[in-house]
Protein backbone atom coordinates (compact mmCIF):
# COMPACT_ATOMS: atom_id res chain seq x y z
CA MET A 1 -49.09 96.71 -14.89
CA PRO A 2 -49.62 93.12 -16.12
CA SER A 3 -52.42 92.35 -18.55
CA PHE A 4 -55.47 90.37 -17.46
CA ASP A 5 -54.14 87.31 -19.30
CA GLU A 6 -50.82 87.59 -17.46
CA THR A 7 -52.54 88.04 -14.10
CA VAL A 8 -54.71 84.94 -14.56
CA ALA A 9 -51.68 82.99 -15.79
CA ALA A 10 -49.78 84.01 -12.63
CA GLN A 11 -52.66 82.77 -10.48
CA VAL A 12 -52.76 79.46 -12.36
CA ARG A 13 -49.00 78.99 -11.89
CA MET A 14 -49.44 79.46 -8.14
CA LEU A 15 -52.30 76.96 -8.04
CA GLU A 16 -50.27 74.44 -10.03
CA ALA A 17 -47.42 74.90 -7.53
CA GLY A 18 -49.82 74.08 -4.68
CA GLN A 19 -49.76 77.67 -3.37
CA VAL A 20 -53.51 77.92 -2.93
CA LEU A 21 -53.59 80.22 0.10
CA GLU A 22 -50.89 82.43 -1.39
CA ALA A 23 -52.89 82.71 -4.62
CA LEU A 24 -55.98 83.57 -2.60
CA ASP A 25 -54.10 86.25 -0.66
CA HIS A 26 -52.66 87.76 -3.82
CA PHE A 27 -55.57 87.53 -6.26
CA PHE A 28 -58.83 87.47 -4.26
CA ALA A 29 -60.56 90.79 -3.55
CA ASP A 30 -61.11 91.77 0.09
CA TYR A 31 -64.85 91.94 -0.64
CA GLY A 32 -64.89 88.84 -2.87
CA VAL A 33 -67.55 86.14 -2.65
CA MET A 34 -67.11 82.41 -3.24
CA TYR A 35 -69.85 79.97 -4.11
CA SER A 36 -69.64 76.19 -3.96
CA ASN A 37 -72.18 74.32 -6.07
CA GLY A 38 -74.53 77.30 -5.96
CA ALA A 39 -74.36 78.00 -2.20
CA ILE A 40 -72.34 80.79 -0.62
CA PHE A 41 -69.05 79.35 0.62
CA GLY A 42 -67.65 82.58 2.00
CA GLU A 43 -67.98 86.36 1.85
CA GLY A 44 -64.78 88.39 2.05
CA ILE A 45 -61.22 87.18 1.81
CA ALA A 46 -60.87 86.49 5.55
CA ALA A 47 -63.90 84.19 5.68
CA CYS A 48 -62.93 82.38 2.48
CA ARG A 49 -59.36 81.92 3.68
CA ASP A 50 -60.45 80.69 7.13
CA LYS A 51 -62.71 78.05 5.57
CA GLN A 52 -60.00 76.79 3.20
CA LYS A 53 -56.96 76.94 5.49
CA PRO A 54 -57.49 73.73 7.54
CA PHE A 55 -58.07 71.67 4.42
CA ILE A 56 -55.17 73.16 2.49
CA THR A 57 -52.64 73.02 5.32
CA SER A 58 -53.39 69.32 5.94
CA ALA A 59 -52.75 68.39 2.28
CA LYS A 60 -49.32 66.97 1.40
CA ASN A 61 -47.54 66.35 -1.88
CA VAL A 62 -49.90 68.65 -3.77
CA GLN A 63 -49.68 68.17 -7.53
CA GLY A 64 -51.61 71.07 -9.04
CA VAL A 65 -53.26 70.31 -12.37
CA ILE A 66 -55.20 73.12 -14.02
CA THR A 67 -56.74 72.34 -17.42
CA ASP A 68 -59.28 73.79 -19.84
CA LEU A 69 -58.27 77.37 -19.08
CA TYR A 70 -60.39 79.96 -20.86
CA ILE A 71 -59.73 83.67 -20.42
CA ASP A 72 -62.05 86.43 -21.62
CA LYS A 73 -59.96 89.57 -21.32
CA HIS A 74 -62.78 91.89 -22.39
CA SER A 75 -65.25 90.75 -19.72
CA GLU A 76 -62.51 89.84 -17.23
CA PHE A 77 -63.61 86.34 -16.44
CA CYS A 78 -61.94 82.98 -16.66
CA VAL A 79 -62.93 79.35 -16.44
CA PHE A 80 -60.67 76.44 -15.57
CA ARG A 81 -60.82 72.88 -14.38
CA ASN A 82 -58.91 71.89 -11.26
CA GLN A 83 -57.81 68.25 -11.18
CA THR A 84 -55.22 68.53 -8.43
CA THR A 85 -54.07 65.47 -6.47
CA TYR A 86 -52.69 65.39 -2.93
CA LEU A 87 -52.21 63.19 0.10
CA ASP A 88 -54.62 63.72 2.97
CA GLY A 89 -53.83 63.47 6.71
CA ASP A 90 -53.99 59.65 6.49
CA ASP A 91 -51.61 59.65 3.49
CA GLU A 92 -54.46 58.60 1.23
CA GLN A 93 -54.32 59.84 -2.35
CA GLN A 94 -57.13 62.33 -3.07
CA LYS A 95 -58.14 64.05 -6.28
CA ILE A 96 -60.00 67.29 -6.68
CA ASP A 97 -62.18 67.57 -9.75
CA GLY A 98 -63.92 70.87 -10.06
CA ILE A 99 -64.59 73.79 -12.32
CA HIS A 100 -63.82 77.36 -11.25
CA VAL A 101 -65.52 80.35 -12.83
CA GLN A 102 -64.01 83.66 -11.78
CA MET A 103 -65.23 87.19 -12.41
CA TRP A 104 -62.42 89.69 -11.91
CA THR A 105 -62.30 93.43 -11.35
CA GLN A 106 -59.25 95.66 -10.94
CA GLY A 107 -56.86 92.69 -10.95
CA LYS A 108 -58.71 90.69 -8.26
CA VAL A 109 -61.28 87.89 -8.20
CA ALA A 110 -64.56 89.51 -7.17
CA ILE A 111 -66.78 86.42 -7.51
CA GLU A 112 -65.82 82.79 -7.82
CA TRP A 113 -68.19 79.93 -8.52
CA TYR A 114 -66.87 76.43 -7.87
CA TYR A 115 -68.65 73.35 -9.16
CA SER A 116 -67.91 69.70 -8.38
CA GLY A 117 -69.78 66.40 -8.61
CA GLU A 118 -73.20 66.44 -10.23
CA PRO A 119 -73.41 70.26 -10.47
CA MET A 120 -70.08 70.25 -12.34
CA GLU A 121 -71.26 67.51 -14.67
CA GLY A 122 -74.38 69.57 -15.37
CA MET A 123 -72.27 72.62 -16.16
CA ILE A 124 -70.10 70.57 -18.51
CA ALA A 125 -73.20 69.14 -20.21
CA ARG A 126 -74.54 72.69 -20.65
CA GLY A 127 -71.30 73.78 -22.34
CA ILE A 128 -69.07 75.43 -19.75
CA LEU A 129 -65.92 73.93 -21.30
CA THR A 130 -66.95 74.06 -24.95
CA ASP A 131 -68.51 77.55 -24.98
CA PRO A 132 -67.42 79.47 -21.87
CA ALA A 133 -68.31 82.80 -23.48
CA HIS A 134 -71.91 82.10 -22.42
CA ILE A 135 -70.92 81.77 -18.78
CA LEU A 136 -73.44 84.26 -17.43
CA GLU A 137 -76.26 82.21 -18.89
CA LEU A 138 -74.82 79.08 -17.26
CA THR A 139 -74.17 80.48 -13.78
CA GLY A 140 -77.16 82.81 -13.51
């Protein structure tokens, strides 16, 4: 059985390869919950996948860029910044800039918080990238 570090690294490799739905299918818990800027994005893998699928399948030339990866193997959480670029349906260059915070259990993401825009900037200002060990204080 792979270690937590290895499991997170495998997920990151899939994201960097533009295999977002595949990573979701492989690493997201059936009962998992996703939040986007503090609001519930989806509950359960099916709902989360259904919401992401149209966006992801319309993206072309995905260049996955994951930075600032922090893994806490004892508490089974990780933090990373997603700065992926892609072409949209009009062949316009787009860039994602967001922070993902994932709480894992039994090799799957149980809760994921995603922050972009002003909420992300607030999280960065409060130390999410410099001191991710205090993540529960930042997300709670």
